[in-house]
Amino acid sequence: MSKSQRAYHWIKERIAGQDFTPGYRLVLRSIAKELDMSVVPVREAIRQLEAEGLVTFERNVGAQVSMVDDTRYRASMQALSILESAATALAARRLTAADLRHAREVNARMIESLSDFDPSAFTRLNQEFHAALYQKCTNARVLELVESEWARLAHLRESTFSFVPGRARQSVQEHEHIVRLIESGAPLGEIEEAARRHRSATLDAYLIHEHPDETPGLSAL
């Protein structure tokens, strides 16, 4: 891993973990000193994070963690619905019985958590569930983009389920449906469509909650 990649992942992990919150100023020299490297690779990492929308750069202000933007959140969820569903379909034929068993075990933990609901913990399990299904995606670039959008969402919203907790129960039911489609060898297009509808339904639930004056179904591209 190059120095710029190391700096990129170091900063990105702290944004995702909320150590660097929206508006936090990223002082390049301080980061370079922390990582024991020059400013050059840190600057390269900042540029990459800026391209992903996680960091903004303003003249006379410098680099800072992007502020939460509802429009960006919506765009990221739409992108993830396309990318993750494609990754899931591309991975489907390579998933083993053990992979599907693991996905079901995670989903079972999600169901158990409904009685004492913690949106952040539920979201972490949700990501683990989906990763179990898309991790063997045959397209490395698609996989990279999926993981990038997950990291971006972690910055934009700690948990969508904190806004729409009622969506959680329906979500775990949809998880089982997706697993069954993969298990039965359903057409890849059907698997992709089910995964996309699943992600879009979460965004729709959020939009209806936060923007009740808008027409449902705005998550569709």
C-alpha atoms as a PDB file:
ATOM      1  CA  MET A   1       0.000   0.000   0.000  1.00  0.00           C
ATOM      2  CA  SER A   2       1.428   3.381  -1.001  1.00  0.00           C
ATOM      3  CA  LYS A   3       1.687   6.262   1.455  1.00  0.00           C
ATOM      4  CA  SER A   4      -1.186   8.117  -0.216  1.00  0.00           C
ATOM      5  CA  GLN A   5      -3.381   4.991   0.011  1.00  0.00           C
ATOM      6  CA  ARG A   6      -2.461   4.568   3.661  1.00  0.00           C
ATOM      7  CA  ALA A   7      -3.375   8.202   4.364  1.00  0.00           C
ATOM      8  CA  TYR A   8      -6.600   7.800   2.357  1.00  0.00           C
ATOM      9  CA  HIS A   9      -7.759   4.781   4.357  1.00  0.00           C
ATOM     10  CA  TRP A  10      -6.659   6.323   7.675  1.00  0.00           C
ATOM     11  CA  ILE A  11      -8.701   9.495   7.094  1.00  0.00           C
ATOM     12  CA  LYS A  12     -11.660   7.624   5.599  1.00  0.00           C
ATOM     13  CA  GLU A  13     -11.895   5.265   8.571  1.00  0.00           C
ATOM     14  CA  ARG A  14     -12.020   8.227  10.957  1.00  0.00           C
ATOM     15  CA  ILE A  15     -14.745   9.906   8.939  1.00  0.00           C
ATOM     16  CA  ALA A  16     -16.767   6.682   8.875  1.00  0.00           C
ATOM     17  CA  GLY A  17     -16.205   6.186  12.611  1.00  0.00           C
ATOM     18  CA  GLN A  18     -17.353   9.755  13.360  1.00  0.00           C
ATOM     19  CA  ASP A  19     -13.958  10.670  14.854  1.00  0.00           C
ATOM     20  CA  PHE A  20     -13.810  13.333  12.151  1.00  0.00           C
ATOM     21  CA  THR A  21     -17.321  14.804  12.139  1.00  0.00           C
ATOM     22  CA  PRO A  22     -18.926  17.076   9.489  1.00  0.00           C
ATOM     23  CA  GLY A  23     -17.096  20.386   9.378  1.00  0.00           C
ATOM     24  CA  TYR A  24     -13.952  18.986  11.000  1.00  0.00           C
ATOM     25  CA  ARG A  25     -10.890  20.742   9.590  1.00  0.00           C
ATOM     26  CA  LEU A  26      -8.293  18.396   8.141  1.00  0.00           C
ATOM     27  CA  VAL A  27      -4.867  19.918   8.809  1.00  0.00           C
ATOM     28  CA  LEU A  28      -2.514  18.254   6.353  1.00  0.00           C
ATOM     29  CA  ARG A  29       0.659  18.808   8.361  1.00  0.00           C
ATOM     30  CA  SER A  30      -0.882  17.364  11.517  1.00  0.00           C
ATOM     31  CA  ILE A  31      -2.108  14.287   9.655  1.00  0.00           C
ATOM     32  CA  ALA A  32       1.267  13.870   7.942  1.00  0.00           C
ATOM     33  CA  LYS A  33       3.005  14.028  11.336  1.00  0.00           C
ATOM     34  CA  GLU A  34       0.566  11.506  12.807  1.00  0.00           C
ATOM     35  CA  LEU A  35       1.256   9.096   9.938  1.00  0.00           C
ATOM     36  CA  ASP A  36       4.997   9.840   9.827  1.00  0.00           C
ATOM     37  CA  MET A  37       5.027  10.914   6.193  1.00  0.00           C
ATOM     38  CA  SER A  38       5.322  14.071   4.123  1.00  0.00           C
ATOM     39  CA  VAL A  39       2.390  16.319   3.252  1.00  0.00           C
ATOM     40  CA  VAL A  40       2.403  15.232  -0.419  1.00  0.00           C
ATOM     41  CA  PRO A  41       0.724  11.800  -0.009  1.00  0.00           C
ATOM     42  CA  VAL A  42      -1.754  13.294   2.476  1.00  0.00           C
ATOM     43  CA  ARG A  43      -2.706  15.922  -0.085  1.00  0.00           C
ATOM     44  CA  GLU A  44      -3.232  13.180  -2.681  1.00  0.00           C
ATOM     45  CA  ALA A  45      -5.476  11.305  -0.243  1.00  0.00           C
ATOM     46  CA  ILE A  46      -7.487  14.466   0.420  1.00  0.00           C
ATOM     47  CA  ARG A  47      -8.018  14.957  -3.313  1.00  0.00           C
ATOM     48  CA  GLN A  48      -9.344  11.419  -3.647  1.00  0.00           C
ATOM     49  CA  LEU A  49     -11.705  11.908  -0.696  1.00  0.00           C
ATOM     50  CA  GLU A  50     -12.838  15.209  -2.210  1.00  0.00           C
ATOM     51  CA  ALA A  51     -13.668  13.404  -5.469  1.00  0.00           C
ATOM     52  CA  GLU A  52     -15.811  10.971  -3.445  1.00  0.00           C
ATOM     53  CA  GLY A  53     -17.666  13.816  -1.756  1.00  0.00           C
ATOM     54  CA  LEU A  54     -16.395  13.060   1.749  1.00  0.00           C
ATOM     55  CA  VAL A  55     -14.175  16.128   1.917  1.00  0.00           C
ATOM     56  CA  THR A  56     -14.555  19.694   0.650  1.00  0.00           C
ATOM     57  CA  PHE A  57     -11.749  22.145  -0.054  1.00  0.00           C
ATOM     58  CA  GLU A  58     -12.173  25.901   0.043  1.00  0.00           C
ATOM     59  CA  ARG A  59      -9.630  28.593  -0.656  1.00  0.00           C
ATOM     60  CA  ASN A  60      -8.398  30.297   2.538  1.00  0.00           C
ATOM     61  CA  VAL A  61     -10.187  27.646   4.594  1.00  0.00           C
ATOM     62  CA  GLY A  62      -8.541  24.397   3.572  1.00  0.00           C
ATOM     63  CA  ALA A  63      -9.884  20.866   3.660  1.00  0.00           C
ATOM     64  CA  GLN A  64     -12.717  19.826   5.932  1.00  0.00           C
ATOM     65  CA  VAL A  65     -15.095  16.918   6.294  1.00  0.00           C
ATOM     66  CA  SER A  66     -18.182  17.557   4.164  1.00  0.00           C
ATOM     67  CA  MET A  67     -21.306  18.742   5.909  1.00  0.00           C
ATOM     68  CA  VAL A  68     -24.290  16.397   5.905  1.00  0.00           C
ATOM     69  CA  ASP A  69     -26.245  17.011   2.722  1.00  0.00           C
ATOM     70  CA  ASP A  70     -29.666  15.445   2.200  1.00  0.00           C
ATOM     71  CA  THR A  71     -29.238  15.627  -1.569  1.00  0.00           C
ATOM     72  CA  ARG A  72     -25.945  13.758  -1.382  1.00  0.00           C
ATOM     73  CA  TYR A  73     -27.502  11.158   0.879  1.00  0.00           C
ATOM     74  CA  ARG A  74     -30.286  10.559  -1.608  1.00  0.00           C
ATOM     75  CA  ALA A  75     -27.818  10.325  -4.498  1.00  0.00           C
ATOM     76  CA  SER A  76     -25.608   7.917  -2.579  1.00  0.00           C
ATOM     77  CA  MET A  77     -28.527   5.649  -1.695  1.00  0.00           C
ATOM     78  CA  GLN A  78     -29.637   5.634  -5.334  1.00  0.00           C
ATOM     79  CA  ALA A  79     -26.102   4.782  -6.462  1.00  0.00           C
ATOM     80  CA  LEU A  80     -25.819   2.025  -3.874  1.00  0.00           C
ATOM     81  CA  SER A  81     -29.146   0.514  -4.961  1.00  0.00           C
ATOM     82  CA  ILE A  82     -27.713   0.094  -8.464  1.00  0.00           C
ATOM     83  CA  LEU A  83     -24.166  -0.920  -7.547  1.00  0.00           C
ATOM     84  CA  GLU A  84     -24.961  -3.273  -4.675  1.00  0.00           C
ATOM     85  CA  SER A  85     -27.727  -5.058  -6.554  1.00  0.00           C
ATOM     86  CA  ALA A  86     -25.368  -5.578  -9.506  1.00  0.00           C
ATOM     87  CA  ALA A  87     -22.600  -6.820  -7.193  1.00  0.00           C
ATOM     88  CA  THR A  88     -25.027  -9.218  -5.503  1.00  0.00           C
ATOM     89  CA  ALA A  89     -26.115 -10.656  -8.847  1.00  0.00           C
ATOM     90  CA  LEU A  90     -22.520 -10.973 -10.045  1.00  0.00           C
ATOM     91  CA  ALA A  91     -21.597 -12.827  -6.852  1.00  0.00           C
ATOM     92  CA  ALA A  92     -24.685 -15.054  -6.693  1.00  0.00           C
ATOM     93  CA  ARG A  93     -23.347 -18.066  -8.593  1.00  0.00           C
ATOM     94  CA  ARG A  94     -20.132 -18.094  -6.545  1.00  0.00           C
ATOM     95  CA  LEU A  95     -21.787 -18.113  -3.130  1.00  0.00           C
ATOM     96  CA  THR A  96     -21.529 -21.383  -1.218  1.00  0.00           C
ATOM     97  CA  ALA A  97     -23.938 -22.950   1.232  1.00  0.00           C
ATOM     98  CA  ALA A  98     -21.646 -21.663   3.993  1.00  0.00           C
ATOM     99  CA  ASP A  99     -21.896 -18.107   2.635  1.00  0.00           C
ATOM    100  CA  LEU A 100     -25.692 -18.238   2.602  1.00  0.00           C
ATOM    101  CA  ARG A 101     -25.743 -19.807   6.063  1.00  0.00           C
ATOM    102  CA  HIS A 102     -23.608 -16.926   7.346  1.00  0.00           C
ATOM    103  CA  ALA A 103     -25.980 -14.390   5.750  1.00  0.00           C
ATOM    104  CA  ARG A 104     -28.942 -16.071   7.439  1.00  0.00           C
ATOM    105  CA  GLU A 105     -27.137 -16.104  10.797  1.00  0.00           C
ATOM    106  CA  VAL A 106     -26.533 -12.353  10.532  1.00  0.00           C
ATOM    107  CA  ASN A 107     -30.156 -11.781   9.550  1.00  0.00           C
ATOM    108  CA  ALA A 108     -31.256 -13.853  12.558  1.00  0.00           C
ATOM    109  CA  ARG A 109     -29.214 -11.550  14.803  1.00  0.00           C
ATOM    110  CA  MET A 110     -30.919  -8.583  13.169  1.00  0.00           C
ATOM    111  CA  ILE A 111     -34.328 -10.109  13.930  1.00  0.00           C
ATOM    112  CA  GLU A 112     -33.329 -10.705  17.556  1.00  0.00           C
ATOM    113  CA  SER A 113     -32.214  -7.078  17.873  1.00  0.00           C
ATOM    114  CA  LEU A 114     -35.672  -5.777  16.937  1.00  0.00           C
ATOM    115  CA  SER A 115     -36.931  -6.289  20.494  1.00  0.00           C
ATOM    116  CA  ASP A 116     -34.299  -3.898  21.863  1.00  0.00           C
ATOM    117  CA  PHE A 117     -33.709  -1.776  18.795  1.00  0.00           C
ATOM    118  CA  ASP A 118     -30.400   0.047  18.355  1.00  0.00           C
ATOM    119  CA  PRO A 119     -30.352   1.719  14.903  1.00  0.00           C
ATOM    120  CA  SER A 120     -26.550   1.966  14.710  1.00  0.00           C
ATOM    121  CA  ALA A 121     -26.006  -1.677  15.691  1.00  0.00           C
ATOM    122  CA  PHE A 122     -28.736  -2.759  13.280  1.00  0.00           C
ATOM    123  CA  THR A 123     -27.047  -0.827  10.473  1.00  0.00           C
ATOM    124  CA  ARG A 124     -23.711  -2.517  11.161  1.00  0.00           C
ATOM    125  CA  LEU A 125     -25.380  -5.928  10.981  1.00  0.00           C
ATOM    126  CA  ASN A 126     -27.185  -4.832   7.837  1.00  0.00           C
ATOM    127  CA  GLN A 127     -23.890  -4.029   6.169  1.00  0.00           C
ATOM    128  CA  GLU A 128     -22.447  -7.373   7.293  1.00  0.00           C
ATOM    129  CA  PHE A 129     -25.444  -9.180   5.803  1.00  0.00           C
ATOM    130  CA  HIS A 130     -25.142  -7.499   2.422  1.00  0.00           C
ATOM    131  CA  ALA A 131     -21.359  -7.909   2.350  1.00  0.00           C
ATOM    132  CA  ALA A 132     -21.879 -11.658   2.766  1.00  0.00           C
ATOM    133  CA  LEU A 133     -23.888 -11.621  -0.467  1.00  0.00           C
ATOM    134  CA  TYR A 134     -21.777  -9.294  -2.608  1.00  0.00           C
ATOM    135  CA  GLN A 135     -18.273 -10.112  -1.330  1.00  0.00           C
ATOM    136  CA  LYS A 136     -17.604 -12.597  -4.151  1.00  0.00           C
ATOM    137  CA  CYS A 137     -18.591 -10.175  -6.903  1.00  0.00           C
ATOM    138  CA  THR A 138     -16.628 -11.035 -10.036  1.00  0.00           C
ATOM    139  CA  ASN A 139     -16.080  -7.372 -10.944  1.00  0.00           C
ATOM    140  CA  ALA A 140     -13.451  -5.834  -8.655  1.00  0.00           C
ATOM    141  CA  ARG A 141     -14.296  -2.270  -9.728  1.00  0.00           C
ATOM    142  CA  VAL A 142     -17.999  -2.674  -8.900  1.00  0.00           C
ATOM    143  CA  LEU A 143     -17.028  -4.111  -5.506  1.00  0.00           C
ATOM    144  CA  GLU A 144     -14.736  -1.147  -4.856  1.00  0.00           C
ATOM    145  CA  LEU A 145     -17.536   1.299  -5.710  1.00  0.00           C
ATOM    146  CA  VAL A 146     -20.020  -0.498  -3.428  1.00  0.00           C
ATOM    147  CA  GLU A 147     -17.666  -0.299  -0.474  1.00  0.00           C
ATOM    148  CA  SER A 148     -16.944   3.351  -1.242  1.00  0.00           C
ATOM    149  CA  GLU A 149     -20.670   4.192  -1.176  1.00  0.00           C
ATOM    150  CA  TRP A 150     -21.123   2.340   2.119  1.00  0.00           C
ATOM    151  CA  ALA A 151     -18.337   4.461   3.620  1.00  0.00           C
ATOM    152  CA  ARG A 152     -19.911   7.619   2.228  1.00  0.00           C
ATOM    153  CA  LEU A 153     -23.300   6.702   3.701  1.00  0.00           C
ATOM    154  CA  ALA A 154     -21.696   6.145   7.106  1.00  0.00           C
ATOM    155  CA  HIS A 155     -20.617   9.780   6.951  1.00  0.00           C
ATOM    156  CA  LEU A 156     -23.899  11.167   5.637  1.00  0.00           C
ATOM    157  CA  ARG A 157     -26.214   9.250   7.977  1.00  0.00           C
ATOM    158  CA  GLU A 158     -25.077   7.169  10.961  1.00  0.00           C
ATOM    159  CA  SER A 159     -28.219   5.082  10.480  1.00  0.00           C
ATOM    160  CA  THR A 160     -31.215   5.542   8.218  1.00  0.00           C
ATOM    161  CA  PHE A 161     -33.121   3.236  10.594  1.00  0.00           C
ATOM    162  CA  SER A 162     -32.951   5.881  13.325  1.00  0.00           C
ATOM    163  CA  PHE A 163     -35.343   7.912  11.128  1.00  0.00           C
ATOM    164  CA  VAL A 164     -37.555   5.006  10.076  1.00  0.00           C
ATOM    165  CA  PRO A 165     -37.222   2.223  12.693  1.00  0.00           C
ATOM    166  CA  GLY A 166     -40.403   0.598  11.396  1.00  0.00           C
ATOM    167  CA  ARG A 167     -38.613  -0.186   8.150  1.00  0.00           C
ATOM    168  CA  ALA A 168     -36.276  -2.612   9.973  1.00  0.00           C
ATOM    169  CA  ARG A 169     -38.824  -5.403  10.371  1.00  0.00           C
ATOM    170  CA  GLN A 170     -39.762  -5.348   6.703  1.00  0.00           C
ATOM    171  CA  SER A 171     -36.092  -5.186   5.756  1.00  0.00           C
ATOM    172  CA  VAL A 172     -35.166  -8.498   7.412  1.00  0.00           C
ATOM    173  CA  GLN A 173     -38.062 -10.203   5.624  1.00  0.00           C
ATOM    174  CA  GLU A 174     -36.733  -8.934   2.305  1.00  0.00           C
ATOM    175  CA  HIS A 175     -33.288 -10.235   3.233  1.00  0.00           C
ATOM    176  CA  GLU A 176     -34.649 -13.770   3.499  1.00  0.00           C
ATOM    177  CA  HIS A 177     -36.355 -13.379   0.117  1.00  0.00           C
ATOM    178  CA  ILE A 178     -33.055 -12.386  -1.541  1.00  0.00           C
ATOM    179  CA  VAL A 179     -31.219 -15.316   0.054  1.00  0.00           C
ATOM    180  CA  ARG A 180     -33.909 -17.734  -1.145  1.00  0.00           C
ATOM    181  CA  LEU A 181     -33.639 -16.415  -4.704  1.00  0.00           C
ATOM    182  CA  ILE A 182     -29.874 -16.988  -4.690  1.00  0.00           C
ATOM    183  CA  GLU A 183     -30.299 -20.398  -3.076  1.00  0.00           C
ATOM    184  CA  SER A 184     -32.819 -21.524  -5.680  1.00  0.00           C
ATOM    185  CA  GLY A 185     -30.646 -20.437  -8.616  1.00  0.00           C
ATOM    186  CA  ALA A 186     -33.110 -17.774  -9.748  1.00  0.00           C
ATOM    187  CA  PRO A 187     -32.214 -15.737 -12.881  1.00  0.00           C
ATOM    188  CA  LEU A 188     -29.559 -13.134 -12.100  1.00  0.00           C
ATOM    189  CA  GLY A 189     -31.830 -10.362 -13.345  1.00  0.00           C
ATOM    190  CA  GLU A 190     -34.464 -11.370 -10.792  1.00  0.00           C
ATOM    191  CA  ILE A 191     -31.886 -11.387  -7.986  1.00  0.00           C
ATOM    192  CA  GLU A 192     -30.599  -7.973  -9.035  1.00  0.00           C
ATOM    193  CA  GLU A 193     -34.124  -6.533  -9.206  1.00  0.00           C
ATOM    194  CA  ALA A 194     -35.014  -7.851  -5.733  1.00  0.00           C
ATOM    195  CA  ALA A 195     -31.826  -6.398  -4.248  1.00  0.00           C
ATOM    196  CA  ARG A 196     -32.456  -3.044  -5.923  1.00  0.00           C
ATOM    197  CA  ARG A 197     -36.089  -2.872  -4.757  1.00  0.00           C
ATOM    198  CA  HIS A 198     -34.912  -3.689  -1.240  1.00  0.00           C
ATOM    199  CA  ARG A 199     -32.459  -0.775  -1.143  1.00  0.00           C
ATOM    200  CA  SER A 200     -34.884   1.622  -2.849  1.00  0.00           C
ATOM    201  CA  ALA A 201     -37.624   0.767  -0.329  1.00  0.00           C
ATOM    202  CA  THR A 202     -35.417   1.980   2.516  1.00  0.00           C
ATOM    203  CA  LEU A 203     -34.790   5.261   0.737  1.00  0.00           C
ATOM    204  CA  ASP A 204     -38.502   5.648  -0.036  1.00  0.00           C
ATOM    205  CA  ALA A 205     -39.349   5.105   3.640  1.00  0.00           C
ATOM    206  CA  TYR A 206     -36.855   7.808   4.595  1.00  0.00           C
ATOM    207  CA  LEU A 207     -38.165  10.263   1.987  1.00  0.00           C
ATOM    208  CA  ILE A 208     -41.776   9.737   3.071  1.00  0.00           C
ATOM    209  CA  HIS A 209     -40.735  10.365   6.686  1.00  0.00           C
ATOM    210  CA  GLU A 210     -38.535  13.408   6.055  1.00  0.00           C
ATOM    211  CA  HIS A 211     -40.321  14.858   3.013  1.00  0.00           C
ATOM    212  CA  PRO A 212     -43.994  13.854   3.291  1.00  0.00           C
ATOM    213  CA  ASP A 213     -44.954  16.497   0.732  1.00  0.00           C
ATOM    214  CA  GLU A 214     -43.035  14.666  -1.994  1.00  0.00           C
ATOM    215  CA  THR A 215     -44.481  11.888  -4.128  1.00  0.00           C
ATOM    216  CA  PRO A 216     -43.479   8.359  -2.992  1.00  0.00           C
ATOM    217  CA  GLY A 217     -41.191   6.535  -5.387  1.00  0.00           C
ATOM    218  CA  LEU A 218     -38.758   9.431  -5.879  1.00  0.00           C
ATOM    219  CA  SER A 219     -35.885   7.037  -5.197  1.00  0.00           C
ATOM    220  CA  ALA A 220     -36.392   5.591  -8.670  1.00  0.00           C
ATOM    221  CA  LEU A 221     -33.918   6.815 -11.263  1.00  0.00           C
END
